[in-house]
């Protein structure tokens, strides 16, 4: 079971790299086994070219290493807090992709300007509050996770499975590692489109709630009709 989980996380990390959303050793993907609660995550500082399934580190939800001889990603505490707080997620991805990171560095949420965004995220992709000096001096990665949780006080994380960490970059999640990576890819696309939209029309307003919900719910609601029925 753990071998399958490690291979799944390894493949998800490689997909993130091939997508162009991460370079060098940046970024990471983790996956959680629903039965055991154990989490597999990319090792810290290992290049994507040299990484193999056996390098993936297994930790419990408190961060204790269960299997693996390498140090897990430095972002592990952030990932683990999301697993503990956001019910039902099975994968978390973190990138420093260009446009999403630009919005994070501007400390601005990504507005929902059109149906491309609404097809995937039911509204604005939020940005966290900046971390305090006290948080920075303590457990930085855990504080990052707490800032993400706070940003979703009034947002359903299953409807907007993405966030911008202020002055840092994006995190996404999903029911699986593949879905978390897919959400990172979509987030970068909508972040780029939003930036271009504001360049063309600085006074642009957001999409109407009715059109936003129509597009989101036709794909994701209980009465969704996009795509083919499950067989």
C-alpha atoms as a PDB file:
ATOM      1  CA  UNK A   1       0.000   0.000   0.000  1.00  0.00           C
ATOM      2  CA  UNK A   2       2.768   2.460   0.912  1.00  0.00           C
ATOM      3  CA  UNK A   3       4.670   1.576  -2.255  1.00  0.00           C
ATOM      4  CA  UNK A   4       1.622   2.510  -4.315  1.00  0.00           C
ATOM      5  CA  UNK A   5       1.261   5.771  -2.374  1.00  0.00           C
ATOM      6  CA  UNK A   6       4.928   6.662  -2.894  1.00  0.00           C
ATOM      7  CA  UNK A   7       4.728   5.973  -6.626  1.00  0.00           C
ATOM      8  CA  UNK A   8       1.549   8.038  -6.892  1.00  0.00           C
ATOM      9  CA  UNK A   9       3.207  10.996  -5.163  1.00  0.00           C
ATOM     10  CA  UNK A  10       6.377  10.590  -7.239  1.00  0.00           C
ATOM     11  CA  UNK A  11       4.354  10.662 -10.463  1.00  0.00           C
ATOM     12  CA  UNK A  12       2.371  13.697  -9.283  1.00  0.00           C
ATOM     13  CA  UNK A  13       5.570  15.600  -8.537  1.00  0.00           C
ATOM     14  CA  UNK A  14       6.944  14.769 -11.985  1.00  0.00           C
ATOM     15  CA  UNK A  15       3.690  15.930 -13.582  1.00  0.00           C
ATOM     16  CA  UNK A  16       3.973  19.226 -11.719  1.00  0.00           C
ATOM     17  CA  UNK A  17       7.527  19.613 -13.000  1.00  0.00           C
ATOM     18  CA  UNK A  18       6.628  18.705 -16.589  1.00  0.00           C
ATOM     19  CA  UNK A  19       3.792  21.216 -16.523  1.00  0.00           C
ATOM     20  CA  UNK A  20       6.340  24.014 -16.129  1.00  0.00           C
ATOM     21  CA  UNK A  21       4.913  25.217 -12.821  1.00  0.00           C
ATOM     22  CA  UNK A  22       8.086  24.372 -10.874  1.00  0.00           C
ATOM     23  CA  UNK A  23      11.787  24.615 -11.711  1.00  0.00           C
ATOM     24  CA  UNK A  24      14.980  23.406 -10.048  1.00  0.00           C
ATOM     25  CA  UNK A  25      13.968  21.899  -6.680  1.00  0.00           C
ATOM     26  CA  UNK A  26      11.007  24.249  -6.113  1.00  0.00           C
ATOM     27  CA  UNK A  27       7.543  23.007  -5.231  1.00  0.00           C
ATOM     28  CA  UNK A  28       6.185  19.781  -3.838  1.00  0.00           C
ATOM     29  CA  UNK A  29       3.235  17.411  -3.901  1.00  0.00           C
ATOM     30  CA  UNK A  30       2.022  15.173  -1.097  1.00  0.00           C
ATOM     31  CA  UNK A  31      -0.629  12.473  -0.922  1.00  0.00           C
ATOM     32  CA  UNK A  32      -2.557  10.985   1.962  1.00  0.00           C
ATOM     33  CA  UNK A  33      -3.618   7.377   2.368  1.00  0.00           C
ATOM     34  CA  UNK A  34      -7.249   7.414   3.482  1.00  0.00           C
ATOM     35  CA  UNK A  35      -7.039   4.161   5.453  1.00  0.00           C
ATOM     36  CA  UNK A  36      -3.874   4.686   7.470  1.00  0.00           C
ATOM     37  CA  UNK A  37      -3.843   8.486   7.472  1.00  0.00           C
ATOM     38  CA  UNK A  38      -0.167   8.420   6.495  1.00  0.00           C
ATOM     39  CA  UNK A  39       1.191  11.071   4.151  1.00  0.00           C
ATOM     40  CA  UNK A  40       3.797  10.684   1.407  1.00  0.00           C
ATOM     41  CA  UNK A  41       5.714  13.797   0.364  1.00  0.00           C
ATOM     42  CA  UNK A  42       8.625  14.881  -1.812  1.00  0.00           C
ATOM     43  CA  UNK A  43      11.990  15.002  -0.029  1.00  0.00           C
ATOM     44  CA  UNK A  44      13.520  18.401   0.630  1.00  0.00           C
ATOM     45  CA  UNK A  45      15.895  19.824  -1.965  1.00  0.00           C
ATOM     46  CA  UNK A  46      15.976  16.795  -4.261  1.00  0.00           C
ATOM     47  CA  UNK A  47      15.902  17.575  -7.970  1.00  0.00           C
ATOM     48  CA  UNK A  48      13.096  16.137 -10.064  1.00  0.00           C
ATOM     49  CA  UNK A  49      15.595  14.474 -12.385  1.00  0.00           C
ATOM     50  CA  UNK A  50      17.161  12.416  -9.608  1.00  0.00           C
ATOM     51  CA  UNK A  51      14.031  11.701  -7.574  1.00  0.00           C
ATOM     52  CA  UNK A  52      12.722   8.121  -7.597  1.00  0.00           C
ATOM     53  CA  UNK A  53       9.709   6.514  -5.854  1.00  0.00           C
ATOM     54  CA  UNK A  54      11.955   5.119  -3.115  1.00  0.00           C
ATOM     55  CA  UNK A  55      13.034   8.666  -2.211  1.00  0.00           C
ATOM     56  CA  UNK A  56       9.485   9.703  -1.256  1.00  0.00           C
ATOM     57  CA  UNK A  57       9.167  10.121   2.514  1.00  0.00           C
ATOM     58  CA  UNK A  58       6.255   8.740   4.561  1.00  0.00           C
ATOM     59  CA  UNK A  59       5.172  10.683   7.649  1.00  0.00           C
ATOM     60  CA  UNK A  60       2.243  10.541  10.044  1.00  0.00           C
ATOM     61  CA  UNK A  61      -0.111  13.479  10.537  1.00  0.00           C
ATOM     62  CA  UNK A  62       2.105  14.813  13.331  1.00  0.00           C
ATOM     63  CA  UNK A  63       5.169  14.864  11.086  1.00  0.00           C
ATOM     64  CA  UNK A  64       6.963  11.831  12.459  1.00  0.00           C
ATOM     65  CA  UNK A  65       8.916   9.952   9.775  1.00  0.00           C
ATOM     66  CA  UNK A  66       7.473   6.470   9.303  1.00  0.00           C
ATOM     67  CA  UNK A  67       9.510   5.431   6.285  1.00  0.00           C
ATOM     68  CA  UNK A  68      12.349   6.949   4.287  1.00  0.00           C
ATOM     69  CA  UNK A  69      15.953   7.940   4.737  1.00  0.00           C
ATOM     70  CA  UNK A  70      15.683  11.533   3.493  1.00  0.00           C
ATOM     71  CA  UNK A  71      14.396  14.690   5.100  1.00  0.00           C
ATOM     72  CA  UNK A  72      10.823  15.492   3.985  1.00  0.00           C
ATOM     73  CA  UNK A  73       9.940  18.778   2.314  1.00  0.00           C
ATOM     74  CA  UNK A  74      10.341  21.828   4.516  1.00  0.00           C
ATOM     75  CA  UNK A  75       6.682  22.584   3.706  1.00  0.00           C
ATOM     76  CA  UNK A  76       5.516  19.345   5.353  1.00  0.00           C
ATOM     77  CA  UNK A  77       3.929  21.065   8.409  1.00  0.00           C
ATOM     78  CA  UNK A  78       1.803  23.180   6.064  1.00  0.00           C
ATOM     79  CA  UNK A  79       0.625  20.124   4.129  1.00  0.00           C
ATOM     80  CA  UNK A  80      -0.163  18.190   7.314  1.00  0.00           C
ATOM     81  CA  UNK A  81      -2.273  20.972   8.780  1.00  0.00           C
ATOM     82  CA  UNK A  82      -4.341  21.109   5.593  1.00  0.00           C
ATOM     83  CA  UNK A  83      -4.946  17.355   5.826  1.00  0.00           C
ATOM     84  CA  UNK A  84      -6.014  17.707   9.443  1.00  0.00           C
ATOM     85  CA  UNK A  85      -8.318  20.677   8.860  1.00  0.00           C
ATOM     86  CA  UNK A  86      -9.797  20.223   5.366  1.00  0.00           C
ATOM     87  CA  UNK A  87     -11.948  17.105   5.404  1.00  0.00           C
ATOM     88  CA  UNK A  88     -11.669  14.698   2.505  1.00  0.00           C
ATOM     89  CA  UNK A  89      -8.566  15.975   0.769  1.00  0.00           C
ATOM     90  CA  UNK A  90      -6.114  13.376  -0.510  1.00  0.00           C
ATOM     91  CA  UNK A  91      -3.459  15.518  -2.151  1.00  0.00           C
ATOM     92  CA  UNK A  92      -1.747  18.890  -1.673  1.00  0.00           C
ATOM     93  CA  UNK A  93       0.469  20.733  -4.155  1.00  0.00           C
ATOM     94  CA  UNK A  94       2.674  23.795  -3.746  1.00  0.00           C
ATOM     95  CA  UNK A  95       4.317  25.713  -6.575  1.00  0.00           C
ATOM     96  CA  UNK A  96       5.998  29.020  -7.297  1.00  0.00           C
ATOM     97  CA  UNK A  97       4.310  29.333 -10.687  1.00  0.00           C
ATOM     98  CA  UNK A  98       4.807  32.739 -12.283  1.00  0.00           C
ATOM     99  CA  UNK A  99       1.371  34.364 -12.413  1.00  0.00           C
ATOM    100  CA  UNK A 100      -0.098  32.847  -9.263  1.00  0.00           C
ATOM    101  CA  UNK A 101       3.034  33.848  -7.373  1.00  0.00           C
ATOM    102  CA  UNK A 102       2.815  37.375  -8.801  1.00  0.00           C
ATOM    103  CA  UNK A 103      -0.688  37.728  -7.351  1.00  0.00           C
ATOM    104  CA  UNK A 104       0.590  36.329  -4.039  1.00  0.00           C
ATOM    105  CA  UNK A 105       3.482  38.796  -4.007  1.00  0.00           C
ATOM    106  CA  UNK A 106       1.060  41.613  -4.774  1.00  0.00           C
ATOM    107  CA  UNK A 107      -0.941  40.285  -1.811  1.00  0.00           C
ATOM    108  CA  UNK A 108      -4.060  40.261  -3.946  1.00  0.00           C
ATOM    109  CA  UNK A 109      -6.695  37.537  -4.362  1.00  0.00           C
ATOM    110  CA  UNK A 110      -7.360  36.348  -7.905  1.00  0.00           C
ATOM    111  CA  UNK A 111     -10.750  37.797  -8.927  1.00  0.00           C
ATOM    112  CA  UNK A 112     -13.286  35.703 -10.789  1.00  0.00           C
ATOM    113  CA  UNK A 113     -13.730  37.636 -14.025  1.00  0.00           C
ATOM    114  CA  UNK A 114     -15.180  34.981 -16.297  1.00  0.00           C
ATOM    115  CA  UNK A 115     -16.370  31.463 -16.916  1.00  0.00           C
ATOM    116  CA  UNK A 116     -12.879  29.991 -17.388  1.00  0.00           C
ATOM    117  CA  UNK A 117     -12.280  30.726 -13.712  1.00  0.00           C
ATOM    118  CA  UNK A 118     -15.823  29.825 -12.635  1.00  0.00           C
ATOM    119  CA  UNK A 119     -15.637  26.435 -14.311  1.00  0.00           C
ATOM    120  CA  UNK A 120     -13.131  25.417 -11.679  1.00  0.00           C
ATOM    121  CA  UNK A 121     -13.256  27.798  -8.703  1.00  0.00           C
ATOM    122  CA  UNK A 122     -16.546  29.068  -7.310  1.00  0.00           C
ATOM    123  CA  UNK A 123     -15.381  32.622  -6.771  1.00  0.00           C
ATOM    124  CA  UNK A 124     -12.279  34.538  -5.796  1.00  0.00           C
ATOM    125  CA  UNK A 125      -9.111  32.597  -4.965  1.00  0.00           C
ATOM    126  CA  UNK A 126      -8.201  34.127  -1.584  1.00  0.00           C
ATOM    127  CA  UNK A 127      -4.886  35.447  -0.354  1.00  0.00           C
ATOM    128  CA  UNK A 128      -3.783  34.950   3.243  1.00  0.00           C
ATOM    129  CA  UNK A 129      -2.902  37.637   5.730  1.00  0.00           C
ATOM    130  CA  UNK A 130       0.803  38.309   6.026  1.00  0.00           C
ATOM    131  CA  UNK A 131       2.502  36.467   8.850  1.00  0.00           C
ATOM    132  CA  UNK A 132       3.404  38.430  11.948  1.00  0.00           C
ATOM    133  CA  UNK A 133       6.949  38.769  13.256  1.00  0.00           C
ATOM    134  CA  UNK A 134       5.978  36.395  16.053  1.00  0.00           C
ATOM    135  CA  UNK A 135       4.798  33.771  13.564  1.00  0.00           C
ATOM    136  CA  UNK A 136       7.953  34.157  11.495  1.00  0.00           C
ATOM    137  CA  UNK A 137      10.105  33.666  14.576  1.00  0.00           C
ATOM    138  CA  UNK A 138       8.254  30.471  15.532  1.00  0.00           C
ATOM    139  CA  UNK A 139       7.171  27.472  13.485  1.00  0.00           C
ATOM    140  CA  UNK A 140       7.023  29.250  10.140  1.00  0.00           C
ATOM    141  CA  UNK A 141       5.586  26.428   8.045  1.00  0.00           C
ATOM    142  CA  UNK A 142       2.896  25.627  10.618  1.00  0.00           C
ATOM    143  CA  UNK A 143       2.015  29.325  10.805  1.00  0.00           C
ATOM    144  CA  UNK A 144       1.688  29.318   7.022  1.00  0.00           C
ATOM    145  CA  UNK A 145      -0.832  26.503   7.295  1.00  0.00           C
ATOM    146  CA  UNK A 146      -2.780  28.370   9.962  1.00  0.00           C
ATOM    147  CA  UNK A 147      -2.907  31.455   7.751  1.00  0.00           C
ATOM    148  CA  UNK A 148      -4.395  29.309   4.985  1.00  0.00           C
ATOM    149  CA  UNK A 149      -7.024  27.854   7.329  1.00  0.00           C
ATOM    150  CA  UNK A 150      -7.929  31.367   8.511  1.00  0.00           C
ATOM    151  CA  UNK A 151      -8.390  32.501   4.901  1.00  0.00           C
ATOM    152  CA  UNK A 152     -11.137  29.869   4.513  1.00  0.00           C
ATOM    153  CA  UNK A 153     -13.213  30.899   7.506  1.00  0.00           C
ATOM    154  CA  UNK A 154     -16.067  31.813   5.126  1.00  0.00           C
ATOM    155  CA  UNK A 155     -15.059  29.817   2.025  1.00  0.00           C
ATOM    156  CA  UNK A 156     -15.712  26.156   1.268  1.00  0.00           C
ATOM    157  CA  UNK A 157     -12.284  24.633   0.475  1.00  0.00           C
ATOM    158  CA  UNK A 158     -13.935  22.042  -1.749  1.00  0.00           C
ATOM    159  CA  UNK A 159     -15.376  24.795  -3.962  1.00  0.00           C
ATOM    160  CA  UNK A 160     -12.208  26.896  -4.054  1.00  0.00           C
ATOM    161  CA  UNK A 161      -9.372  24.340  -3.683  1.00  0.00           C
ATOM    162  CA  UNK A 162      -6.601  26.914  -3.948  1.00  0.00           C
ATOM    163  CA  UNK A 163      -5.029  29.752  -2.000  1.00  0.00           C
ATOM    164  CA  UNK A 164      -2.293  32.342  -2.370  1.00  0.00           C
ATOM    165  CA  UNK A 165       0.029  32.685   0.603  1.00  0.00           C
ATOM    166  CA  UNK A 166       0.859  36.382   0.871  1.00  0.00           C
ATOM    167  CA  UNK A 167       4.329  37.261  -0.449  1.00  0.00           C
ATOM    168  CA  UNK A 168       5.010  33.553  -0.989  1.00  0.00           C
ATOM    169  CA  UNK A 169       3.035  31.513  -3.509  1.00  0.00           C
ATOM    170  CA  UNK A 170       0.114  29.171  -4.190  1.00  0.00           C
ATOM    171  CA  UNK A 171      -1.076  25.960  -2.563  1.00  0.00           C
ATOM    172  CA  UNK A 172      -3.784  23.757  -4.049  1.00  0.00           C
ATOM    173  CA  UNK A 173      -5.462  20.536  -2.940  1.00  0.00           C
ATOM    174  CA  UNK A 174      -7.911  17.905  -4.070  1.00  0.00           C
ATOM    175  CA  UNK A 175      -9.312  14.475  -3.366  1.00  0.00           C
ATOM    176  CA  UNK A 176      -6.169  12.975  -4.931  1.00  0.00           C
ATOM    177  CA  UNK A 177      -2.644  13.980  -5.851  1.00  0.00           C
ATOM    178  CA  UNK A 178      -3.663  14.175  -9.506  1.00  0.00           C
ATOM    179  CA  UNK A 179      -6.507  16.535  -8.662  1.00  0.00           C
ATOM    180  CA  UNK A 180      -4.236  18.723  -6.528  1.00  0.00           C
ATOM    181  CA  UNK A 181      -1.800  19.035  -9.433  1.00  0.00           C
ATOM    182  CA  UNK A 182      -4.619  19.729 -11.874  1.00  0.00           C
ATOM    183  CA  UNK A 183      -5.826  22.525  -9.599  1.00  0.00           C
ATOM    184  CA  UNK A 184      -2.324  24.041  -9.641  1.00  0.00           C
ATOM    185  CA  UNK A 185      -2.337  23.992 -13.429  1.00  0.00           C
ATOM    186  CA  UNK A 186      -5.766  25.624 -13.602  1.00  0.00           C
ATOM    187  CA  UNK A 187      -4.861  28.200 -10.955  1.00  0.00           C
ATOM    188  CA  UNK A 188      -1.852  29.342 -12.982  1.00  0.00           C
ATOM    189  CA  UNK A 189      -4.035  29.671 -16.086  1.00  0.00           C
ATOM    190  CA  UNK A 190      -6.751  31.736 -14.381  1.00  0.00           C
ATOM    191  CA  UNK A 191      -4.128  33.885 -12.620  1.00  0.00           C
ATOM    192  CA  UNK A 192      -2.550  34.690 -15.989  1.00  0.00           C
ATOM    193  CA  UNK A 193      -5.924  35.353 -17.604  1.00  0.00           C
ATOM    194  CA  UNK A 194      -6.977  37.656 -14.760  1.00  0.00           C
ATOM    195  CA  UNK A 195      -3.755  39.648 -15.042  1.00  0.00           C
ATOM    196  CA  UNK A 196      -4.239  40.074 -18.808  1.00  0.00           C
ATOM    197  CA  UNK A 197      -7.896  41.011 -18.303  1.00  0.00           C
ATOM    198  CA  UNK A 198      -6.915  43.828 -15.943  1.00  0.00           C
ATOM    199  CA  UNK A 199      -4.313  45.055 -18.429  1.00  0.00           C
ATOM    200  CA  UNK A 200      -6.945  45.265 -21.178  1.00  0.00           C
ATOM    201  CA  UNK A 201      -9.695  46.642 -18.964  1.00  0.00           C
ATOM    202  CA  UNK A 202      -8.453  48.154 -15.676  1.00  0.00           C
ATOM    203  CA  UNK A 203     -12.019  48.918 -14.554  1.00  0.00           C
ATOM    204  CA  UNK A 204     -13.345  45.414 -15.220  1.00  0.00           C
ATOM    205  CA  UNK A 205     -15.818  44.020 -12.711  1.00  0.00           C
ATOM    206  CA  UNK A 206     -16.263  40.451 -11.564  1.00  0.00           C
ATOM    207  CA  UNK A 207     -18.500  37.871 -13.155  1.00  0.00           C
ATOM    208  CA  UNK A 208     -22.109  37.879 -12.002  1.00  0.00           C
ATOM    209  CA  UNK A 209     -22.889  35.404  -9.203  1.00  0.00           C
ATOM    210  CA  UNK A 210     -25.540  33.801 -11.403  1.00  0.00           C
ATOM    211  CA  UNK A 211     -23.166  33.095 -14.301  1.00  0.00           C
ATOM    212  CA  UNK A 212     -20.412  32.024 -11.915  1.00  0.00           C
ATOM    213  CA  UNK A 213     -22.639  29.497 -10.200  1.00  0.00           C
ATOM    214  CA  UNK A 214     -24.112  28.246 -13.479  1.00  0.00           C
ATOM    215  CA  UNK A 215     -20.672  27.325 -14.764  1.00  0.00           C
ATOM    216  CA  UNK A 216     -19.372  25.916 -11.503  1.00  0.00           C
ATOM    217  CA  UNK A 217     -22.438  23.809 -10.693  1.00  0.00           C
ATOM    218  CA  UNK A 218     -22.846  22.349 -14.163  1.00  0.00           C
ATOM    219  CA  UNK A 219     -19.456  20.703 -13.577  1.00  0.00           C
ATOM    220  CA  UNK A 220     -19.312  20.214  -9.819  1.00  0.00           C
ATOM    221  CA  UNK A 221     -22.798  20.339  -8.325  1.00  0.00           C
ATOM    222  CA  UNK A 222     -25.000  17.398  -7.384  1.00  0.00           C
ATOM    223  CA  UNK A 223     -26.913  17.961 -10.616  1.00  0.00           C
ATOM    224  CA  UNK A 224     -23.781  18.397 -12.750  1.00  0.00           C
ATOM    225  CA  UNK A 225     -24.273  17.486 -16.401  1.00  0.00           C
ATOM    226  CA  UNK A 226     -20.868  18.272 -17.928  1.00  0.00           C
ATOM    227  CA  UNK A 227     -18.959  15.296 -19.295  1.00  0.00           C
ATOM    228  CA  UNK A 228     -19.994  11.668 -19.458  1.00  0.00           C
ATOM    229  CA  UNK A 229     -21.950   9.782 -16.755  1.00  0.00           C
ATOM    230  CA  UNK A 230     -20.052   7.379 -14.544  1.00  0.00           C
ATOM    231  CA  UNK A 231     -20.185   3.783 -15.759  1.00  0.00           C
END
